[in-house]
All heavy atoms as atom14 arrays in JSON, in Angstrom:
{
  "sequence": "TGRDALDWLNENKAKLLLLDYELPDMKGIDVVDELGKRGQHFEF",
  "atom14_mask": [
    [1, 1, 1, 1, 1, 1, 1, 0, 0, 0, 0, 0, 0, 0],
    [1, 1, 1, 1, 0, 0, 0, 0, 0, 0, 0, 0, 0, 0],
    [1, 1, 1, 1, 1, 1, 1, 1, 1, 1, 1, 0, 0, 0],
    [1, 1, 1, 1, 1, 1, 1, 1, 0, 0, 0, 0, 0, 0],
    [1, 1, 1, 1, 1, 0, 0, 0, 0, 0, 0, 0, 0, 0],
    [1, 1, 1, 1, 1, 1, 1, 1, 0, 0, 0, 0, 0, 0],
    [1, 1, 1, 1, 1, 1, 1, 1, 0, 0, 0, 0, 0, 0],
    [1, 1, 1, 1, 1, 1, 1, 1, 1, 1, 1, 1, 1, 1],
    [1, 1, 1, 1, 1, 1, 1, 1, 0, 0, 0, 0, 0, 0],
    [1, 1, 1, 1, 1, 1, 1, 1, 0, 0, 0, 0, 0, 0],
    [1, 1, 1, 1, 1, 1, 1, 1, 1, 0, 0, 0, 0, 0],
    [1, 1, 1, 1, 1, 1, 1, 1, 0, 0, 0, 0, 0, 0],
    [1, 1, 1, 1, 1, 1, 1, 1, 1, 0, 0, 0, 0, 0],
    [1, 1, 1, 1, 1, 0, 0, 0, 0, 0, 0, 0, 0, 0],
    [1, 1, 1, 1, 1, 1, 1, 1, 1, 0, 0, 0, 0, 0],
    [1, 1, 1, 1, 1, 1, 1, 1, 0, 0, 0, 0, 0, 0],
    [1, 1, 1, 1, 1, 1, 1, 1, 0, 0, 0, 0, 0, 0],
    [1, 1, 1, 1, 1, 1, 1, 1, 0, 0, 0, 0, 0, 0],
    [1, 1, 1, 1, 1, 1, 1, 1, 0, 0, 0, 0, 0, 0],
    [1, 1, 1, 1, 1, 1, 1, 1, 0, 0, 0, 0, 0, 0],
    [1, 1, 1, 1, 1, 1, 1, 1, 1, 1, 1, 1, 0, 0],
    [1, 1, 1, 1, 1, 1, 1, 1, 1, 0, 0, 0, 0, 0],
    [1, 1, 1, 1, 1, 1, 1, 1, 0, 0, 0, 0, 0, 0],
    [1, 1, 1, 1, 1, 1, 1, 0, 0, 0, 0, 0, 0, 0],
    [1, 1, 1, 1, 1, 1, 1, 1, 0, 0, 0, 0, 0, 0],
    [1, 1, 1, 1, 1, 1, 1, 1, 0, 0, 0, 0, 0, 0],
    [1, 1, 1, 1, 1, 1, 1, 1, 1, 0, 0, 0, 0, 0],
    [1, 1, 1, 1, 0, 0, 0, 0, 0, 0, 0, 0, 0, 0],
    [1, 1, 1, 1, 1, 1, 1, 1, 0, 0, 0, 0, 0, 0],
    [1, 1, 1, 1, 1, 1, 1, 1, 0, 0, 0, 0, 0, 0],
    [1, 1, 1, 1, 1, 1, 1, 0, 0, 0, 0, 0, 0, 0],
    [1, 1, 1, 1, 1, 1, 1, 0, 0, 0, 0, 0, 0, 0],
    [1, 1, 1, 1, 1, 1, 1, 1, 0, 0, 0, 0, 0, 0],
    [1, 1, 1, 1, 1, 1, 1, 1, 1, 0, 0, 0, 0, 0],
    [1, 1, 1, 1, 1, 1, 1, 1, 0, 0, 0, 0, 0, 0],
    [1, 1, 1, 1, 0, 0, 0, 0, 0, 0, 0, 0, 0, 0],
    [1, 1, 1, 1, 1, 1, 1, 1, 1, 0, 0, 0, 0, 0],
    [1, 1, 1, 1, 1, 1, 1, 1, 1, 1, 1, 0, 0, 0],
    [1, 1, 1, 1, 0, 0, 0, 0, 0, 0, 0, 0, 0, 0],
    [1, 1, 1, 1, 1, 1, 1, 1, 1, 0, 0, 0, 0, 0],
    [1, 1, 1, 1, 1, 1, 1, 1, 1, 1, 0, 0, 0, 0],
    [1, 1, 1, 1, 1, 1, 1, 1, 1, 1, 1, 0, 0, 0],
    [1, 1, 1, 1, 1, 1, 1, 1, 1, 0, 0, 0, 0, 0],
    [1, 1, 1, 1, 1, 1, 1, 1, 1, 1, 1, 0, 0, 0]
  ],
  "atom14_positions": [
    [[18.24, -0.22, 0.8], [17.91, 1.08, 1.11], [16.77, 1.17, 2.0], [15.96, 0.22, 2.13], [17.65, 1.99, -0.11], [16.39, 1.48, -0.72], [18.7, 1.89, -1.16], [0.0, 0.0, 0.0], [0.0, 0.0, 0.0], [0.0, 0.0, 0.0], [0.0, 0.0, 0.0], [0.0, 0.0, 0.0], [0.0, 0.0, 0.0], [0.0, 0.0, 0.0]],
    [[16.57, 2.34, 2.68], [15.42, 2.48, 3.58], [14.09, 2.43, 2.78], [13.08, 1.9, 3.26], [0.0, 0.0, 0.0], [0.0, 0.0, 0.0], [0.0, 0.0, 0.0], [0.0, 0.0, 0.0], [0.0, 0.0, 0.0], [0.0, 0.0, 0.0], [0.0, 0.0, 0.0], [0.0, 0.0, 0.0], [0.0, 0.0, 0.0], [0.0, 0.0, 0.0]],
    [[14.09, 3.12, 1.6], [12.81, 3.11, 0.81], [12.44, 1.73, 0.33], [11.34, 1.36, 0.33], [13.08, 4.03, -0.45], [11.86, 4.14, -1.37], [10.64, 4.55, -0.62], [10.79, 5.8, 0.13], [9.91, 6.17, 1.04], [8.76, 5.43, 1.27], [10.08, 7.21, 1.68], [0.0, 0.0, 0.0], [0.0, 0.0, 0.0], [0.0, 0.0, 0.0]],
    [[13.51, 0.92, -0.07], [13.19, -0.52, -0.45], [12.58, -1.24, 0.66], [11.69, -2.1, 0.52], [14.46, -1.21, -0.97], [14.96, -0.67, -2.32], [14.11, -0.01, -3.0], [16.08, -0.86, -2.6], [0.0, 0.0, 0.0], [0.0, 0.0, 0.0], [0.0, 0.0, 0.0], [0.0, 0.0, 0.0], [0.0, 0.0, 0.0], [0.0, 0.0, 0.0]],
    [[13.11, -1.01, 1.91], [12.66, -1.67, 3.04], [11.18, -1.33, 3.35], [10.31, -2.19, 3.62], [13.44, -1.33, 4.24], [0.0, 0.0, 0.0], [0.0, 0.0, 0.0], [0.0, 0.0, 0.0], [0.0, 0.0, 0.0], [0.0, 0.0, 0.0], [0.0, 0.0, 0.0], [0.0, 0.0, 0.0], [0.0, 0.0, 0.0], [0.0, 0.0, 0.0]],
    [[10.8, 0.0, 3.2], [9.46, 0.44, 3.47], [8.49, -0.17, 2.42], [7.36, -0.62, 2.79], [9.39, 2.01, 3.41], [10.07, 2.69, 4.57], [10.19, 4.17, 4.37], [9.36, 2.43, 5.89], [0.0, 0.0, 0.0], [0.0, 0.0, 0.0], [0.0, 0.0, 0.0], [0.0, 0.0, 0.0], [0.0, 0.0, 0.0], [0.0, 0.0, 0.0]],
    [[8.96, -0.2, 1.16], [8.1, -0.83, 0.11], [7.88, -2.31, 0.37], [6.77, -2.81, 0.19], [8.75, -0.59, -1.26], [8.78, 0.87, -1.76], [7.96, 1.7, -1.15], [9.54, 1.22, -2.62], [0.0, 0.0, 0.0], [0.0, 0.0, 0.0], [0.0, 0.0, 0.0], [0.0, 0.0, 0.0], [0.0, 0.0, 0.0], [0.0, 0.0, 0.0]],
    [[8.96, -2.98, 0.7], [8.79, -4.44, 0.97], [7.89, -4.75, 2.12], [7.0, -5.62, 2.04], [10.25, -5.03, 1.23], [10.24, -6.61, 1.24], [10.47, -7.38, 0.23], [9.95, -7.37, 2.38], [10.39, -8.69, 0.56], [10.11, -8.72, 1.92], [9.67, -7.15, 3.73], [9.87, -9.83, 2.81], [9.46, -8.26, 4.52], [9.58, -9.52, 4.05]],
    [[8.02, -3.95, 3.15], [7.23, -4.17, 4.38], [5.76, -3.74, 4.17], [4.88, -4.11, 4.93], [7.8, -3.43, 5.6], [9.12, -3.95, 6.06], [9.8, -3.05, 7.06], [8.92, -5.31, 6.67], [0.0, 0.0, 0.0], [0.0, 0.0, 0.0], [0.0, 0.0, 0.0], [0.0, 0.0, 0.0], [0.0, 0.0, 0.0], [0.0, 0.0, 0.0]],
    [[5.55, -2.94, 3.12], [4.17, -2.57, 2.8], [3.42, -3.73, 2.31], [2.18, -3.77, 2.32], [4.15, -1.4, 1.83], [2.83, -0.66, 1.81], [2.24, -0.45, 2.81], [2.4, -0.3, 0.58], [0.0, 0.0, 0.0], [0.0, 0.0, 0.0], [0.0, 0.0, 0.0], [0.0, 0.0, 0.0], [0.0, 0.0, 0.0], [0.0, 0.0, 0.0]],
    [[4.09, -4.72, 1.73], [3.43, -5.91, 1.11], [3.7, -7.16, 1.87], [2.97, -8.21, 1.72], [3.93, -6.07, -0.31], [3.77, -4.85, -1.26], [2.29, -4.67, -1.55], [1.56, -5.69, -1.48], [1.88, -3.52, -1.83], [0.0, 0.0, 0.0], [0.0, 0.0, 0.0], [0.0, 0.0, 0.0], [0.0, 0.0, 0.0], [0.0, 0.0, 0.0]],
    [[4.65, -7.17, 2.77], [5.04, -8.46, 3.41], [5.16, -8.32, 4.96], [5.21, -7.15, 5.44], [6.4, -8.94, 2.88], [6.34, -9.12, 1.32], [5.88, -10.12, 0.89], [6.88, -8.08, 0.63], [0.0, 0.0, 0.0], [0.0, 0.0, 0.0], [0.0, 0.0, 0.0], [0.0, 0.0, 0.0], [0.0, 0.0, 0.0], [0.0, 0.0, 0.0]],
    [[5.29, -9.39, 5.56], [5.48, -9.38, 7.09], [6.85, -9.92, 7.39], [7.35, -10.86, 6.7], [4.39, -10.18, 7.71], [2.98, -9.72, 7.6], [2.71, -8.45, 8.34], [1.32, -7.98, 8.26], [1.11, -6.69, 8.95], [0.0, 0.0, 0.0], [0.0, 0.0, 0.0], [0.0, 0.0, 0.0], [0.0, 0.0, 0.0], [0.0, 0.0, 0.0]],
    [[7.41, -9.45, 8.44], [8.76, -9.94, 8.93], [8.7, -10.2, 10.4], [8.09, -9.42, 11.2], [9.85, -8.98, 8.52], [0.0, 0.0, 0.0], [0.0, 0.0, 0.0], [0.0, 0.0, 0.0], [0.0, 0.0, 0.0], [0.0, 0.0, 0.0], [0.0, 0.0, 0.0], [0.0, 0.0, 0.0], [0.0, 0.0, 0.0], [0.0, 0.0, 0.0]],
    [[9.29, -11.27, 10.84], [9.34, -11.56, 12.23], [10.34, -10.67, 12.9], [10.22, -10.23, 14.05], [9.69, -13.05, 12.55], [9.76, -13.37, 14.01], [9.91, -14.86, 14.17], [8.53, -15.59, 14.0], [8.61, -16.99, 14.42], [0.0, 0.0, 0.0], [0.0, 0.0, 0.0], [0.0, 0.0, 0.0], [0.0, 0.0, 0.0], [0.0, 0.0, 0.0]],
    [[11.48, -10.31, 12.18], [12.53, -9.44, 12.79], [13.21, -8.7, 11.66], [13.49, -9.23, 10.6], [13.51, -10.38, 13.57], [14.79, -9.68, 14.19], [14.33, -8.72, 15.29], [15.73, -10.65, 14.63], [0.0, 0.0, 0.0], [0.0, 0.0, 0.0], [0.0, 0.0, 0.0], [0.0, 0.0, 0.0], [0.0, 0.0, 0.0], [0.0, 0.0, 0.0]],
    [[13.51, -7.46, 11.98], [14.3, -6.63, 11.06], [15.75, -6.45, 11.54], [15.97, -6.15, 12.75], [13.74, -5.2, 10.89], [12.25, -5.06, 10.56], [11.82, -3.61, 10.45], [11.86, -5.78, 9.36], [0.0, 0.0, 0.0], [0.0, 0.0, 0.0], [0.0, 0.0, 0.0], [0.0, 0.0, 0.0], [0.0, 0.0, 0.0], [0.0, 0.0, 0.0]],
    [[16.76, -6.77, 10.68], [18.2, -6.47, 11.03], [18.51, -5.22, 10.31], [18.73, -5.2, 9.1], [19.1, -7.64, 10.56], [18.78, -8.97, 11.22], [19.88, -9.99, 10.79], [18.79, -8.89, 12.73], [0.0, 0.0, 0.0], [0.0, 0.0, 0.0], [0.0, 0.0, 0.0], [0.0, 0.0, 0.0], [0.0, 0.0, 0.0], [0.0, 0.0, 0.0]],
    [[18.45, -4.12, 11.11], [18.46, -2.79, 10.47], [19.81, -2.05, 10.66], [20.21, -1.79, 11.76], [17.31, -1.91, 11.09], [17.16, -0.51, 10.79], [16.86, -0.32, 9.24], [16.03, 0.16, 11.61], [0.0, 0.0, 0.0], [0.0, 0.0, 0.0], [0.0, 0.0, 0.0], [0.0, 0.0, 0.0], [0.0, 0.0, 0.0], [0.0, 0.0, 0.0]],
    [[20.48, -1.71, 9.49], [21.58, -0.91, 9.55], [21.29, 0.55, 9.92], [20.32, 1.06, 9.4], [22.37, -0.95, 8.21], [23.76, -0.4, 8.24], [24.21, -0.01, 9.34], [24.42, -0.38, 7.2], [0.0, 0.0, 0.0], [0.0, 0.0, 0.0], [0.0, 0.0, 0.0], [0.0, 0.0, 0.0], [0.0, 0.0, 0.0], [0.0, 0.0, 0.0]],
    [[22.01, 1.15, 10.84], [21.72, 2.5, 11.26], [21.92, 3.49, 10.16], [21.13, 4.42, 10.02], [22.48, 2.82, 12.5], [22.14, 4.14, 13.09], [20.92, 4.31, 13.79], [22.92, 5.3, 12.87], [20.55, 5.52, 14.36], [22.61, 6.58, 13.38], [21.41, 6.65, 14.08], [20.98, 7.87, 14.57], [0.0, 0.0, 0.0], [0.0, 0.0, 0.0]],
    [[23.04, 3.31, 9.4], [23.37, 4.19, 8.29], [23.05, 3.65, 7.02], [23.57, 2.65, 6.59], [24.86, 4.57, 8.32], [25.32, 5.29, 9.59], [24.9, 6.74, 9.61], [24.39, 7.25, 8.57], [24.97, 7.42, 10.67], [0.0, 0.0, 0.0], [0.0, 0.0, 0.0], [0.0, 0.0, 0.0], [0.0, 0.0, 0.0], [0.0, 0.0, 0.0]],
    [[22.06, 4.24, 6.23], [21.63, 3.72, 4.87], [21.88, 4.82, 3.89], [21.98, 6.04, 4.26], [20.09, 3.37, 4.94], [19.8, 2.17, 5.83], [18.29, 2.06, 5.99], [20.42, 0.86, 5.26], [0.0, 0.0, 0.0], [0.0, 0.0, 0.0], [0.0, 0.0, 0.0], [0.0, 0.0, 0.0], [0.0, 0.0, 0.0], [0.0, 0.0, 0.0]],
    [[21.95, 4.54, 2.61], [22.27, 5.59, 1.6], [21.24, 6.66, 1.53], [21.57, 7.87, 1.32], [22.27, 4.73, 0.33], [22.48, 3.33, 0.67], [21.85, 3.25, 2.05], [0.0, 0.0, 0.0], [0.0, 0.0, 0.0], [0.0, 0.0, 0.0], [0.0, 0.0, 0.0], [0.0, 0.0, 0.0], [0.0, 0.0, 0.0], [0.0, 0.0, 0.0]],
    [[19.91, 6.38, 1.7], [18.85, 7.37, 1.52], [18.34, 7.89, 2.84], [17.59, 8.96, 2.88], [17.74, 6.8, 0.66], [17.21, 5.55, 1.26], [17.85, 4.95, 2.08], [16.15, 5.11, 0.85], [0.0, 0.0, 0.0], [0.0, 0.0, 0.0], [0.0, 0.0, 0.0], [0.0, 0.0, 0.0], [0.0, 0.0, 0.0], [0.0, 0.0, 0.0]],
    [[18.51, 7.28, 3.94], [17.98, 7.69, 5.24], [18.63, 6.9, 6.35], [19.32, 5.92, 6.09], [16.47, 7.53, 5.29], [15.94, 6.1, 5.21], [14.23, 5.99, 5.3], [13.67, 6.57, 3.71], [0.0, 0.0, 0.0], [0.0, 0.0, 0.0], [0.0, 0.0, 0.0], [0.0, 0.0, 0.0], [0.0, 0.0, 0.0], [0.0, 0.0, 0.0]],
    [[18.44, 7.41, 7.6], [18.97, 6.66, 8.7], [17.94, 5.51, 9.11], [16.78, 5.66, 8.82], [19.23, 7.59, 9.92], [20.34, 8.51, 9.67], [20.61, 9.31, 10.9], [21.79, 10.33, 10.69], [23.02, 9.65, 10.42], [0.0, 0.0, 0.0], [0.0, 0.0, 0.0], [0.0, 0.0, 0.0], [0.0, 0.0, 0.0], [0.0, 0.0, 0.0]],
    [[18.48, 4.57, 9.77], [17.63, 3.45, 10.22], [16.55, 3.92, 11.14], [15.37, 3.44, 11.13], [0.0, 0.0, 0.0], [0.0, 0.0, 0.0], [0.0, 0.0, 0.0], [0.0, 0.0, 0.0], [0.0, 0.0, 0.0], [0.0, 0.0, 0.0], [0.0, 0.0, 0.0], [0.0, 0.0, 0.0], [0.0, 0.0, 0.0], [0.0, 0.0, 0.0]],
    [[16.86, 5.02, 11.94], [15.85, 5.52, 12.83], [14.62, 6.06, 12.06], [13.54, 6.07, 12.55], [16.41, 6.55, 13.83], [15.56, 6.82, 14.99], [16.82, 7.86, 13.05], [16.23, 7.57, 16.09], [0.0, 0.0, 0.0], [0.0, 0.0, 0.0], [0.0, 0.0, 0.0], [0.0, 0.0, 0.0], [0.0, 0.0, 0.0], [0.0, 0.0, 0.0]],
    [[14.92, 6.64, 10.83], [13.9, 7.26, 10.05], [12.99, 6.15, 9.52], [11.76, 6.36, 9.28], [14.5, 8.0, 8.9], [15.34, 9.21, 9.37], [14.87, 9.77, 10.38], [16.29, 9.56, 8.7], [0.0, 0.0, 0.0], [0.0, 0.0, 0.0], [0.0, 0.0, 0.0], [0.0, 0.0, 0.0], [0.0, 0.0, 0.0], [0.0, 0.0, 0.0]],
    [[13.58, 4.91, 9.26], [12.72, 3.88, 8.72], [11.73, 3.45, 9.87], [10.54, 3.2, 9.6], [13.61, 2.64, 8.39], [12.76, 1.45, 8.0], [14.58, 2.98, 7.21], [0.0, 0.0, 0.0], [0.0, 0.0, 0.0], [0.0, 0.0, 0.0], [0.0, 0.0, 0.0], [0.0, 0.0, 0.0], [0.0, 0.0, 0.0], [0.0, 0.0, 0.0]],
    [[12.24, 3.33, 11.01], [11.34, 2.93, 12.19], [10.26, 3.99, 12.39], [9.06, 3.65, 12.61], [12.18, 2.78, 13.44], [11.27, 2.57, 14.69], [13.18, 1.68, 13.31], [0.0, 0.0, 0.0], [0.0, 0.0, 0.0], [0.0, 0.0, 0.0], [0.0, 0.0, 0.0], [0.0, 0.0, 0.0], [0.0, 0.0, 0.0], [0.0, 0.0, 0.0]],
    [[10.61, 5.28, 12.3], [9.63, 6.39, 12.44], [8.55, 6.27, 11.36], [7.36, 6.51, 11.64], [10.32, 7.73, 12.54], [11.17, 7.99, 13.76], [10.91, 7.19, 14.72], [11.98, 8.84, 13.75], [0.0, 0.0, 0.0], [0.0, 0.0, 0.0], [0.0, 0.0, 0.0], [0.0, 0.0, 0.0], [0.0, 0.0, 0.0], [0.0, 0.0, 0.0]],
    [[8.97, 6.06, 10.11], [8.03, 5.99, 9.04], [7.06, 4.81, 9.14], [5.86, 4.98, 8.91], [8.77, 5.94, 7.66], [7.84, 5.88, 6.46], [7.09, 7.17, 6.32], [7.49, 8.26, 6.79], [5.95, 7.04, 5.77], [0.0, 0.0, 0.0], [0.0, 0.0, 0.0], [0.0, 0.0, 0.0], [0.0, 0.0, 0.0], [0.0, 0.0, 0.0]],
    [[7.63, 3.75, 9.57], [6.75, 2.6, 9.89], [5.72, 2.88, 10.99], [4.57, 2.44, 10.94], [7.6, 1.37, 10.27], [8.4, 0.73, 9.12], [9.39, -0.34, 9.74], [7.54, 0.0, 8.13], [0.0, 0.0, 0.0], [0.0, 0.0, 0.0], [0.0, 0.0, 0.0], [0.0, 0.0, 0.0], [0.0, 0.0, 0.0], [0.0, 0.0, 0.0]],
    [[6.18, 3.63, 11.99], [5.22, 3.99, 13.05], [4.15, 4.92, 12.54], [2.98, 4.8, 13.04], [0.0, 0.0, 0.0], [0.0, 0.0, 0.0], [0.0, 0.0, 0.0], [0.0, 0.0, 0.0], [0.0, 0.0, 0.0], [0.0, 0.0, 0.0], [0.0, 0.0, 0.0], [0.0, 0.0, 0.0], [0.0, 0.0, 0.0], [0.0, 0.0, 0.0]],
    [[4.42, 5.83, 11.65], [3.39, 6.74, 11.09], [2.37, 5.87, 10.33], [1.19, 6.22, 10.25], [4.03, 7.67, 10.14], [4.84, 8.76, 10.88], [5.57, 9.72, 9.88], [6.49, 10.71, 10.58], [7.13, 11.63, 9.69], [0.0, 0.0, 0.0], [0.0, 0.0, 0.0], [0.0, 0.0, 0.0], [0.0, 0.0, 0.0], [0.0, 0.0, 0.0]],
    [[2.79, 4.77, 9.63], [1.81, 3.95, 8.98], [1.05, 3.03, 9.88], [0.13, 2.38, 9.38], [2.64, 3.03, 7.99], [3.39, 3.75, 6.9], [4.07, 2.68, 6.02], [4.84, 3.2, 4.97], [5.56, 2.48, 4.04], [5.47, 1.19, 4.22], [6.25, 3.03, 3.13], [0.0, 0.0, 0.0], [0.0, 0.0, 0.0], [0.0, 0.0, 0.0]],
    [[1.36, 2.99, 11.1], [0.73, 2.05, 12.01], [1.29, 0.59, 11.97], [0.66, -0.32, 12.42], [0.0, 0.0, 0.0], [0.0, 0.0, 0.0], [0.0, 0.0, 0.0], [0.0, 0.0, 0.0], [0.0, 0.0, 0.0], [0.0, 0.0, 0.0], [0.0, 0.0, 0.0], [0.0, 0.0, 0.0], [0.0, 0.0, 0.0], [0.0, 0.0, 0.0]],
    [[2.57, 0.55, 11.31], [3.18, -0.75, 11.3], [4.28, -0.85, 12.32], [5.09, 0.04, 12.52], [3.79, -0.96, 9.93], [2.77, -1.06, 8.77], [3.5, -1.2, 7.41], [4.11, -0.21, 6.92], [3.4, -2.35, 6.83], [0.0, 0.0, 0.0], [0.0, 0.0, 0.0], [0.0, 0.0, 0.0], [0.0, 0.0, 0.0], [0.0, 0.0, 0.0]],
    [[4.25, -2.02, 13.02], [5.24, -2.15, 14.08], [5.83, -3.54, 13.96], [5.21, -4.57, 14.05], [4.53, -2.07, 15.51], [3.81, -0.67, 15.68], [4.45, 0.44, 16.11], [2.56, -0.4, 15.6], [3.63, 1.4, 16.19], [2.38, 0.9, 15.86], [0.0, 0.0, 0.0], [0.0, 0.0, 0.0], [0.0, 0.0, 0.0], [0.0, 0.0, 0.0]],
    [[7.21, -3.43, 13.82], [7.97, -4.68, 13.65], [9.07, -4.66, 14.65], [9.57, -3.66, 15.09], [8.64, -4.75, 12.23], [7.59, -4.88, 11.13], [7.18, -3.71, 10.48], [7.14, -6.06, 10.73], [6.2, -3.82, 9.44], [6.21, -6.2, 9.73], [5.74, -5.04, 9.07], [0.0, 0.0, 0.0], [0.0, 0.0, 0.0], [0.0, 0.0, 0.0]],
    [[9.44, -5.88, 15.15], [10.56, -6.0, 16.05], [11.85, -5.79, 15.25], [11.98, -6.32, 14.05], [10.57, -7.47, 16.66], [9.23, -7.78, 17.43], [9.11, -6.91, 18.69], [10.03, -6.18, 19.16], [7.99, -6.99, 19.25], [0.0, 0.0, 0.0], [0.0, 0.0, 0.0], [0.0, 0.0, 0.0], [0.0, 0.0, 0.0], [0.0, 0.0, 0.0]],
    [[12.76, -5.1, 15.79], [14.03, -4.83, 14.99], [15.26, -4.83, 15.86], [15.17, -4.51, 17.08], [13.93, -3.49, 14.21], [13.81, -2.28, 15.08], [14.94, -1.58, 15.44], [12.58, -1.79, 15.59], [14.88, -0.43, 16.26], [12.54, -0.71, 16.4], [13.63, 0.01, 16.67], [0.0, 0.0, 0.0], [0.0, 0.0, 0.0], [0.0, 0.0, 0.0]]
  ]
}
């Protein structure tokens, strides 16, 4: 899920995200936008 991804990335680092556009709780684009609000930037 998008929420699980945000929680995991809050504690860990990733070199690359393989991001599904359609997730059960949000769209992939929303995950990217939320990371941007936190000041976190990952290649995806």
